[in-house]
Amino acid sequence: MLSKLSRFIERHLQPAGDASPTLSDHQKQLAVAALLVEVAMADHQFSEVEVDNLGVILERKFSLSIDELAELISLAKNETNRATSLHQFTQLINQYCSSEEKFNLLKAMWEMAYADGDLDKYEDYIIRKVADLIYVPHTEFIRAKSVVKASLLTADNL
């Protein structure tokens, strides 16, 4: 799966010109979206509820086009092979994203993990691994999880 996602990201994540030291917001969002797909696939169950929630999360957070959403979700649904490295995505996040953007990435990943109402140990593992790879302190990792859980509890009580 990561190899196909990598090719998709490479098509869309080339910095504008060699002189550009940053990625555009859109390019960052695509890297983040790939990591959200990884969370969705972590428990080896990509249910329709998760597909729908992935689309909602990506649309709400990143304003991706319908075509980009469809391509990412299609890759996730159709691929079953798992690669072992997240480095190509986390390296981009590390290099081009601020601490606040990294924190928001973790929040989005927690939202994806809780989308089906069940936090699987593999989803937790992927988020923990990404947090380590992007050098987010453990306290911020826990805070992101707490913020998302609190918002879900609040939403459930409405």
Protein backbone atom coordinates (compact mmCIF):
# COMPACT_ATOMS: atom_id res chain seq x y z
CA MET A 1 0.00 0.00 0.00
CA LEU A 2 2.69 2.48 0.89
CA SER A 3 4.36 2.05 -2.49
CA LYS A 4 1.21 3.14 -4.32
CA LEU A 5 0.62 5.93 -1.83
CA SER A 6 4.25 6.97 -2.28
CA ARG A 7 3.79 7.25 -6.05
CA PHE A 8 0.60 9.27 -5.51
CA ILE A 9 2.35 11.57 -3.03
CA GLU A 10 5.39 11.97 -5.28
CA ARG A 11 3.15 13.08 -8.14
CA HIS A 12 1.60 15.73 -5.93
CA LEU A 13 4.37 16.55 -3.45
CA GLN A 14 7.11 17.91 -5.64
CA PRO A 15 8.06 21.32 -4.22
CA ALA A 16 7.39 24.12 -6.68
CA GLY A 17 10.77 24.57 -8.35
CA ASP A 18 14.10 23.54 -6.91
CA ALA A 19 14.55 26.85 -5.11
CA SER A 20 11.43 26.47 -2.97
CA PRO A 21 12.32 25.54 0.61
CA THR A 22 8.73 24.75 1.59
CA LEU A 23 5.80 22.66 0.50
CA SER A 24 2.50 24.31 -0.23
CA ASP A 25 -0.38 23.82 2.19
CA HIS A 26 -1.96 21.51 -0.36
CA GLN A 27 1.18 19.37 -0.57
CA LYS A 28 1.40 19.11 3.23
CA GLN A 29 -2.24 18.10 3.34
CA LEU A 30 -1.63 15.26 0.91
CA ALA A 31 1.20 13.89 3.05
CA VAL A 32 -1.06 14.09 6.10
CA ALA A 33 -3.89 12.41 4.21
CA ALA A 34 -1.58 9.48 3.39
CA LEU A 35 -0.83 9.05 7.09
CA LEU A 36 -4.56 9.13 7.89
CA VAL A 37 -5.07 6.34 5.37
CA GLU A 38 -2.38 4.37 7.19
CA VAL A 39 -4.28 4.75 10.47
CA ALA A 40 -7.50 3.64 8.81
CA MET A 41 -5.79 0.55 7.44
CA ALA A 42 -3.84 -0.30 10.62
CA ASP A 43 -6.44 -2.70 12.03
CA HIS A 44 -6.82 -4.49 8.67
CA GLN A 45 -10.51 -3.58 8.63
CA PHE A 46 -11.48 -0.72 6.38
CA SER A 47 -15.24 -0.66 6.85
CA GLU A 48 -17.67 1.60 5.01
CA VAL A 49 -18.02 3.63 8.23
CA GLU A 50 -14.25 4.23 8.20
CA VAL A 51 -14.27 5.08 4.49
CA ASP A 52 -17.06 7.59 5.05
CA ASN A 53 -15.36 9.06 8.09
CA LEU A 54 -12.04 9.26 6.27
CA GLY A 55 -13.72 11.28 3.53
CA VAL A 56 -15.39 13.54 6.08
CA ILE A 57 -12.16 14.10 8.03
CA LEU A 58 -10.13 14.79 4.90
CA GLU A 59 -12.75 17.10 3.45
CA ARG A 60 -13.26 19.02 6.68
CA LYS A 61 -9.61 19.37 7.60
CA PHE A 62 -7.91 19.66 4.24
CA SER A 63 -10.41 20.75 1.57
CA LEU A 64 -9.08 18.18 -0.88
CA SER A 65 -10.76 17.91 -4.25
CA ILE A 66 -13.25 15.13 -4.84
CA ASP A 67 -10.78 13.47 -7.22
CA GLU A 68 -7.96 13.54 -4.64
CA LEU A 69 -10.26 12.16 -1.95
CA ALA A 70 -11.48 9.42 -4.25
CA GLU A 71 -7.96 8.44 -5.30
CA LEU A 72 -6.63 8.21 -1.74
CA ILE A 73 -9.65 6.28 -0.50
CA SER A 74 -9.56 3.97 -3.51
CA LEU A 75 -5.89 3.19 -2.87
CA ALA A 76 -6.69 2.36 0.74
CA LYS A 77 -9.66 0.14 -0.13
CA ASN A 78 -7.98 -1.77 -2.93
CA GLU A 79 -4.57 -2.40 -1.41
CA THR A 80 -3.89 -5.09 1.17
CA ASN A 81 -0.11 -5.21 1.12
CA ARG A 82 1.52 -3.31 3.95
CA ALA A 83 4.94 -1.74 3.87
CA THR A 84 6.96 -1.30 7.02
CA SER A 85 8.19 2.27 6.59
CA LEU A 86 6.42 5.53 7.24
CA HIS A 87 9.63 7.53 6.86
CA GLN A 88 8.90 8.98 3.43
CA PHE A 89 5.79 10.68 4.82
CA THR A 90 7.06 11.59 8.26
CA GLN A 91 10.22 13.04 6.76
CA LEU A 92 8.11 15.53 4.79
CA ILE A 93 6.09 16.39 7.88
CA ASN A 94 9.26 16.79 9.92
CA GLN A 95 10.98 18.93 7.36
CA TYR A 96 8.15 21.24 6.40
CA CYS A 97 5.61 21.38 9.25
CA SER A 98 5.53 23.47 12.41
CA SER A 99 4.94 22.06 15.88
CA GLU A 100 1.32 23.20 15.67
CA GLU A 101 0.83 21.44 12.33
CA LYS A 102 2.35 18.27 13.78
CA PHE A 103 -0.02 18.47 16.74
CA ASN A 104 -2.96 18.93 14.38
CA LEU A 105 -1.78 15.89 12.41
CA LEU A 106 -1.87 13.79 15.58
CA LYS A 107 -5.37 15.07 16.37
CA ALA A 108 -6.54 14.12 12.88
CA MET A 109 -4.96 10.68 13.25
CA TRP A 110 -6.76 10.15 16.58
CA GLU A 111 -10.03 11.22 14.94
CA MET A 112 -9.44 8.61 12.24
CA ALA A 113 -8.60 5.95 14.83
CA TYR A 114 -11.80 6.63 16.76
CA ALA A 115 -13.95 6.98 13.61
CA ASP A 116 -15.36 3.45 13.88
CA GLY A 117 -15.96 3.77 17.62
CA ASP A 118 -13.14 1.39 18.51
CA LEU A 119 -9.48 2.18 19.12
CA ASP A 120 -7.48 -0.77 17.90
CA LYS A 121 -4.00 -1.42 19.32
CA TYR A 122 -2.52 -1.22 15.81
CA GLU A 123 -4.09 2.19 15.22
CA ASP A 124 -2.63 3.35 18.53
CA TYR A 125 0.75 1.92 17.48
CA ILE A 126 0.78 3.76 14.13
CA ILE A 127 -0.05 7.08 15.78
CA ARG A 128 2.57 6.52 18.48
CA LYS A 129 5.16 5.62 15.83
CA VAL A 130 4.36 8.70 13.73
CA ALA A 131 4.56 10.91 16.84
CA ASP A 132 8.02 9.52 17.54
CA LEU A 133 9.15 9.92 13.93
CA ILE A 134 8.04 13.56 13.79
CA TYR A 135 9.57 14.28 17.19
CA VAL A 136 6.39 15.22 19.02
CA PRO A 137 6.90 15.04 22.79
CA HIS A 138 4.95 12.32 24.56
CA THR A 139 2.99 14.94 26.52
CA GLU A 140 1.72 16.42 23.24
CA PHE A 141 0.90 12.94 21.93
CA ILE A 142 -1.27 12.36 25.03
CA ARG A 143 -2.77 15.86 24.84
CA ALA A 144 -3.83 15.31 21.21
CA LYS A 145 -5.52 12.05 22.17
CA SER A 146 -7.24 13.70 25.14
CA VAL A 147 -8.50 16.61 23.05
CA VAL A 148 -10.05 14.26 20.50
CA LYS A 149 -11.58 11.98 23.15
CA ALA A 150 -13.06 15.01 24.93
CA SER A 151 -14.55 16.34 21.69
CA LEU A 152 -16.07 12.93 20.96
CA LEU A 153 -17.60 12.77 24.42
CA THR A 154 -19.00 16.27 24.00
CA ALA A 155 -20.42 15.40 20.58
CA ASP A 156 -22.02 12.24 21.99
CA ASN A 157 -23.71 14.24 24.74
CA LEU A 158 -25.26 16.75 22.32
